[in-house]
N, C-alpha and C. Protein backbone atom coordinates (compact mmCIF):
# COMPACT_ATOMS: atom_id res chain seq x y z
N MET A 1 0.83 -1.15 0.00
CA MET A 1 0.00 0.00 0.00
C MET A 1 0.89 1.23 0.00
N GLY A 2 0.60 2.20 -0.81
CA GLY A 2 1.38 3.42 -0.89
C GLY A 2 0.75 4.55 -0.10
N LEU A 3 1.53 5.22 0.70
CA LEU A 3 1.04 6.37 1.44
C LEU A 3 0.99 7.59 0.52
N MET A 4 0.02 8.47 0.78
CA MET A 4 -0.09 9.70 0.00
C MET A 4 1.07 10.64 0.33
N THR A 5 1.39 11.49 -0.61
CA THR A 5 2.53 12.40 -0.47
C THR A 5 2.10 13.78 0.01
N PRO A 6 3.04 14.59 0.50
CA PRO A 6 2.70 15.90 1.05
C PRO A 6 2.29 16.92 -0.03
N VAL A 7 1.63 17.97 0.44
CA VAL A 7 1.28 19.11 -0.40
C VAL A 7 2.28 20.21 -0.08
N ARG A 8 2.76 20.89 -1.11
CA ARG A 8 3.76 21.96 -0.91
C ARG A 8 3.17 23.32 -1.26
N GLU A 9 3.68 24.34 -0.59
CA GLU A 9 3.33 25.71 -0.94
C GLU A 9 3.92 26.00 -2.32
N VAL A 10 3.17 26.68 -3.16
CA VAL A 10 3.59 26.90 -4.54
C VAL A 10 4.88 27.72 -4.63
N LYS A 11 4.95 28.84 -3.95
CA LYS A 11 6.13 29.71 -4.08
C LYS A 11 7.31 29.25 -3.23
N GLU A 12 7.06 28.93 -1.98
CA GLU A 12 8.15 28.61 -1.06
C GLU A 12 8.62 27.17 -1.17
N ARG A 13 7.80 26.29 -1.75
CA ARG A 13 8.11 24.86 -1.89
C ARG A 13 8.21 24.16 -0.55
N THR A 14 7.69 24.81 0.52
CA THR A 14 7.68 24.20 1.84
C THR A 14 6.42 23.34 1.99
N ILE A 15 6.39 22.55 3.02
CA ILE A 15 5.23 21.69 3.27
C ILE A 15 4.04 22.58 3.66
N ALA A 16 2.94 22.42 2.96
CA ALA A 16 1.75 23.23 3.19
C ALA A 16 0.93 22.67 4.36
N PRO A 17 0.16 23.54 5.04
CA PRO A 17 -0.70 23.07 6.12
C PRO A 17 -1.68 21.99 5.68
N LYS A 18 -2.06 21.98 4.41
CA LYS A 18 -2.97 20.94 3.91
C LYS A 18 -2.39 19.54 4.08
N THR A 19 -1.08 19.46 4.26
CA THR A 19 -0.45 18.16 4.44
C THR A 19 -0.95 17.47 5.70
N ASN A 20 -1.45 18.24 6.66
CA ASN A 20 -2.01 17.62 7.87
C ASN A 20 -3.17 16.70 7.52
N ARG A 21 -3.96 17.07 6.51
CA ARG A 21 -5.05 16.18 6.07
C ARG A 21 -4.49 14.92 5.46
N VAL A 22 -3.39 15.06 4.71
CA VAL A 22 -2.73 13.89 4.11
C VAL A 22 -2.25 12.97 5.22
N ARG A 23 -1.61 13.54 6.23
CA ARG A 23 -1.12 12.73 7.35
C ARG A 23 -2.27 12.02 8.06
N ALA A 24 -3.39 12.71 8.25
CA ALA A 24 -4.55 12.09 8.90
C ALA A 24 -5.07 10.91 8.07
N ARG A 25 -5.14 11.08 6.78
CA ARG A 25 -5.60 9.99 5.91
C ARG A 25 -4.60 8.84 5.92
N ASN A 26 -3.30 9.16 5.93
CA ASN A 26 -2.29 8.12 6.01
C ASN A 26 -2.42 7.35 7.33
N GLU A 27 -2.72 8.04 8.41
CA GLU A 27 -2.92 7.38 9.71
C GLU A 27 -4.06 6.38 9.64
N ILE A 28 -5.16 6.77 9.00
CA ILE A 28 -6.30 5.86 8.86
C ILE A 28 -5.87 4.63 8.07
N ALA A 29 -5.18 4.86 6.96
CA ALA A 29 -4.72 3.75 6.13
C ALA A 29 -3.76 2.85 6.90
N LEU A 30 -2.83 3.45 7.65
CA LEU A 30 -1.87 2.66 8.42
C LEU A 30 -2.56 1.80 9.47
N GLY A 31 -3.62 2.32 10.05
CA GLY A 31 -4.38 1.53 11.02
C GLY A 31 -4.96 0.27 10.40
N ILE A 32 -5.44 0.40 9.19
CA ILE A 32 -6.04 -0.74 8.48
C ILE A 32 -4.97 -1.73 8.05
N VAL A 33 -3.90 -1.25 7.43
CA VAL A 33 -2.88 -2.17 6.91
C VAL A 33 -2.11 -2.84 8.03
N THR A 34 -1.98 -2.18 9.18
CA THR A 34 -1.30 -2.79 10.32
C THR A 34 -2.05 -4.04 10.77
N LYS A 35 -3.36 -3.91 10.89
CA LYS A 35 -4.18 -5.05 11.31
C LYS A 35 -4.09 -6.20 10.32
N ARG A 36 -3.95 -5.88 9.06
CA ARG A 36 -3.93 -6.92 8.02
C ARG A 36 -2.51 -7.34 7.64
N LYS A 37 -1.52 -6.75 8.31
CA LYS A 37 -0.11 -7.08 8.08
C LYS A 37 0.31 -6.87 6.62
N ILE A 38 -0.13 -5.75 6.07
CA ILE A 38 0.21 -5.37 4.70
C ILE A 38 1.40 -4.42 4.75
N SER A 39 2.39 -4.65 3.93
CA SER A 39 3.56 -3.77 3.88
C SER A 39 3.19 -2.42 3.27
N VAL A 40 3.97 -1.42 3.64
CA VAL A 40 3.69 -0.05 3.23
C VAL A 40 4.81 0.47 2.34
N ASN A 41 4.43 1.03 1.20
CA ASN A 41 5.36 1.75 0.35
C ASN A 41 5.29 3.20 0.81
N ASP A 42 6.24 3.60 1.61
CA ASP A 42 6.18 4.89 2.28
C ASP A 42 6.60 6.02 1.34
N LEU A 43 5.69 6.43 0.48
CA LEU A 43 5.99 7.49 -0.48
C LEU A 43 6.21 8.84 0.18
N ILE A 44 5.53 9.08 1.28
CA ILE A 44 5.71 10.38 1.95
C ILE A 44 7.14 10.50 2.48
N ALA A 45 7.69 9.41 3.03
CA ALA A 45 9.07 9.45 3.50
C ALA A 45 10.04 9.64 2.34
N LEU A 46 9.70 9.08 1.20
CA LEU A 46 10.55 9.21 0.02
C LEU A 46 10.64 10.66 -0.45
N VAL A 47 9.54 11.40 -0.42
CA VAL A 47 9.51 12.73 -1.03
C VAL A 47 9.55 13.90 -0.04
N ILE A 48 9.36 13.65 1.24
CA ILE A 48 9.21 14.74 2.21
C ILE A 48 10.39 15.71 2.21
N ASP A 49 11.59 15.22 2.02
CA ASP A 49 12.78 16.07 2.03
C ASP A 49 13.27 16.46 0.64
N HIS A 50 12.40 16.26 -0.35
CA HIS A 50 12.79 16.53 -1.74
C HIS A 50 11.76 17.42 -2.44
N PRO A 51 11.83 18.72 -2.25
CA PRO A 51 10.87 19.60 -2.93
C PRO A 51 10.95 19.48 -4.45
N GLU A 52 12.10 19.05 -4.96
CA GLU A 52 12.25 18.89 -6.41
C GLU A 52 11.39 17.74 -6.95
N TYR A 53 10.87 16.90 -6.07
CA TYR A 53 10.00 15.80 -6.49
C TYR A 53 8.55 16.27 -6.68
N SER A 54 8.29 17.53 -6.39
CA SER A 54 6.94 18.09 -6.52
C SER A 54 6.89 19.02 -7.72
N SER A 55 5.76 19.00 -8.43
CA SER A 55 5.60 19.90 -9.58
C SER A 55 5.33 21.32 -9.07
N PRO A 56 5.38 22.30 -9.95
CA PRO A 56 5.14 23.70 -9.53
C PRO A 56 3.78 23.93 -8.87
N ASP A 57 2.80 23.06 -9.13
CA ASP A 57 1.49 23.26 -8.51
C ASP A 57 1.47 22.84 -7.04
N GLY A 58 2.54 22.18 -6.56
CA GLY A 58 2.63 21.78 -5.17
C GLY A 58 1.87 20.52 -4.81
N ILE A 59 1.16 19.96 -5.76
CA ILE A 59 0.32 18.78 -5.49
C ILE A 59 0.85 17.55 -6.21
N HIS A 60 1.08 17.68 -7.47
CA HIS A 60 1.48 16.54 -8.29
C HIS A 60 2.99 16.35 -8.29
N ALA A 61 3.41 15.18 -8.69
CA ALA A 61 4.84 14.87 -8.74
C ALA A 61 5.46 15.47 -10.01
N SER A 62 6.70 15.90 -9.87
CA SER A 62 7.49 16.35 -11.01
C SER A 62 8.01 15.12 -11.75
N PRO A 63 8.61 15.29 -12.92
CA PRO A 63 9.20 14.13 -13.60
C PRO A 63 10.21 13.39 -12.70
N ALA A 64 11.02 14.13 -11.94
CA ALA A 64 11.97 13.49 -11.03
C ALA A 64 11.23 12.73 -9.92
N GLY A 65 10.14 13.31 -9.43
CA GLY A 65 9.34 12.65 -8.40
C GLY A 65 8.66 11.39 -8.90
N ILE A 66 8.16 11.47 -10.13
CA ILE A 66 7.53 10.30 -10.74
C ILE A 66 8.56 9.18 -10.88
N THR A 67 9.75 9.54 -11.32
CA THR A 67 10.81 8.54 -11.48
C THR A 67 11.17 7.91 -10.14
N ALA A 68 11.34 8.73 -9.12
CA ALA A 68 11.69 8.21 -7.80
C ALA A 68 10.60 7.29 -7.25
N GLN A 69 9.34 7.69 -7.39
CA GLN A 69 8.24 6.88 -6.90
C GLN A 69 8.12 5.58 -7.70
N ALA A 70 8.29 5.69 -9.01
CA ALA A 70 8.21 4.49 -9.86
C ALA A 70 9.34 3.52 -9.54
N ASN A 71 10.53 4.04 -9.32
CA ASN A 71 11.66 3.17 -8.98
C ASN A 71 11.42 2.45 -7.66
N GLN A 72 10.90 3.18 -6.67
CA GLN A 72 10.63 2.54 -5.38
C GLN A 72 9.53 1.48 -5.52
N ALA A 73 8.50 1.80 -6.27
CA ALA A 73 7.42 0.83 -6.47
C ALA A 73 7.92 -0.40 -7.24
N ALA A 74 8.69 -0.17 -8.29
CA ALA A 74 9.22 -1.29 -9.09
C ALA A 74 10.12 -2.18 -8.25
N GLU A 75 10.95 -1.58 -7.43
CA GLU A 75 11.82 -2.36 -6.56
C GLU A 75 10.98 -3.21 -5.60
N GLY A 76 9.95 -2.59 -5.06
CA GLY A 76 9.08 -3.31 -4.14
C GLY A 76 8.35 -4.46 -4.80
N ILE A 77 7.88 -4.25 -6.00
CA ILE A 77 7.19 -5.32 -6.73
C ILE A 77 8.16 -6.46 -7.03
N ALA A 78 9.37 -6.13 -7.41
CA ALA A 78 10.37 -7.17 -7.70
C ALA A 78 10.67 -7.99 -6.46
N VAL A 79 10.79 -7.33 -5.32
CA VAL A 79 11.06 -8.06 -4.08
C VAL A 79 9.86 -8.92 -3.70
N GLN A 80 8.67 -8.38 -3.88
CA GLN A 80 7.47 -9.16 -3.56
C GLN A 80 7.39 -10.40 -4.43
N LEU A 81 7.65 -10.26 -5.71
CA LEU A 81 7.63 -11.41 -6.60
C LEU A 81 8.69 -12.44 -6.19
N SER A 82 9.84 -11.96 -5.76
CA SER A 82 10.89 -12.85 -5.28
C SER A 82 10.43 -13.61 -4.04
N GLU A 83 9.74 -12.91 -3.15
CA GLU A 83 9.21 -13.55 -1.93
C GLU A 83 8.19 -14.63 -2.29
N ILE A 84 7.32 -14.33 -3.22
CA ILE A 84 6.32 -15.32 -3.65
C ILE A 84 7.02 -16.54 -4.22
N GLN A 85 8.00 -16.30 -5.07
CA GLN A 85 8.75 -17.41 -5.67
C GLN A 85 9.47 -18.22 -4.60
N SER A 86 10.05 -17.56 -3.63
CA SER A 86 10.78 -18.29 -2.59
C SER A 86 9.84 -19.14 -1.74
N ARG A 87 8.62 -18.65 -1.52
CA ARG A 87 7.66 -19.47 -0.77
C ARG A 87 7.26 -20.70 -1.57
N ARG A 88 7.16 -20.53 -2.87
CA ARG A 88 6.80 -21.67 -3.73
C ARG A 88 7.91 -22.71 -3.82
N THR A 89 9.15 -22.24 -3.84
CA THR A 89 10.27 -23.15 -4.04
C THR A 89 10.98 -23.53 -2.74
N GLY A 90 10.64 -22.84 -1.65
CA GLY A 90 11.28 -23.13 -0.38
C GLY A 90 12.63 -22.49 -0.21
N THR A 91 12.98 -21.54 -1.10
CA THR A 91 14.25 -20.83 -0.97
C THR A 91 14.02 -19.52 -0.26
N GLN A 92 15.09 -18.90 0.20
CA GLN A 92 14.98 -17.64 0.92
C GLN A 92 14.88 -16.48 -0.05
N GLY A 93 13.94 -15.55 0.24
CA GLY A 93 13.76 -14.37 -0.61
C GLY A 93 14.64 -13.22 -0.18
N LYS A 94 14.38 -12.04 -0.73
CA LYS A 94 15.22 -10.87 -0.51
C LYS A 94 14.78 -10.01 0.66
N GLY A 95 13.64 -10.25 1.24
CA GLY A 95 13.22 -9.42 2.37
C GLY A 95 11.84 -8.83 2.16
N ASN A 96 11.61 -7.68 2.77
CA ASN A 96 10.29 -7.08 2.77
C ASN A 96 9.91 -6.52 1.40
N ILE A 97 8.65 -6.22 1.21
CA ILE A 97 8.13 -5.83 -0.10
C ILE A 97 8.78 -4.55 -0.63
N PHE A 98 8.89 -3.53 0.18
CA PHE A 98 9.44 -2.26 -0.28
C PHE A 98 10.69 -1.90 0.51
N ARG A 99 11.60 -1.22 -0.16
CA ARG A 99 12.81 -0.77 0.51
C ARG A 99 12.44 -0.03 1.77
N SER A 100 11.40 0.80 1.68
CA SER A 100 10.97 1.55 2.85
C SER A 100 9.76 0.92 3.50
N ALA A 101 9.49 -0.34 3.17
CA ALA A 101 8.37 -1.02 3.81
C ALA A 101 8.74 -1.22 5.26
N GLN A 102 8.03 -0.56 6.09
CA GLN A 102 8.32 -0.58 7.51
C GLN A 102 7.03 -0.85 8.27
N PRO A 103 7.18 -1.30 9.51
CA PRO A 103 5.98 -1.36 10.33
C PRO A 103 5.33 0.01 10.38
N ALA A 104 4.04 0.04 10.55
CA ALA A 104 3.29 1.30 10.51
C ALA A 104 3.84 2.33 11.48
N GLU A 105 4.26 1.93 12.66
CA GLU A 105 4.76 2.90 13.63
C GLU A 105 6.02 3.59 13.13
N HIS A 106 6.88 2.88 12.43
CA HIS A 106 8.08 3.50 11.86
C HIS A 106 7.68 4.59 10.86
N CYS A 107 6.68 4.30 10.03
CA CYS A 107 6.21 5.30 9.06
C CYS A 107 5.67 6.53 9.78
N ARG A 108 4.91 6.30 10.83
CA ARG A 108 4.34 7.43 11.56
C ARG A 108 5.44 8.33 12.12
N GLN A 109 6.48 7.75 12.69
CA GLN A 109 7.55 8.52 13.29
C GLN A 109 8.33 9.28 12.23
N LYS A 110 8.51 8.69 11.08
CA LYS A 110 9.35 9.27 10.01
C LYS A 110 8.76 10.58 9.49
N TRP A 111 7.44 10.67 9.32
CA TRP A 111 6.88 11.86 8.68
C TRP A 111 6.05 12.74 9.60
N ARG A 112 6.20 12.59 10.89
CA ARG A 112 5.50 13.50 11.80
C ARG A 112 6.29 14.76 12.02
């Protein structure tokens, strides 16, 4: 499951107050995925310190942001497929689904 990313102020490129709504929605999602033991693709942690990953409108991802998010998702999918294969064959896989796939509490601490 991928967490939503922050909203940035258009001129200053800083984190906008609207991001609090994003964090609240991420908290709801984390509560659900924690109970179901679903790994998290922590997109907010990926982009929070990278204003260049945001487009000039402050909402959508820039080309660099799209690339970074796609790379993280692709890596996670590859690891997940490896895990599935290892369960089928009885061999050891590469680890968790996403590079930043962390328990929900780790995600909460990272972007608060």
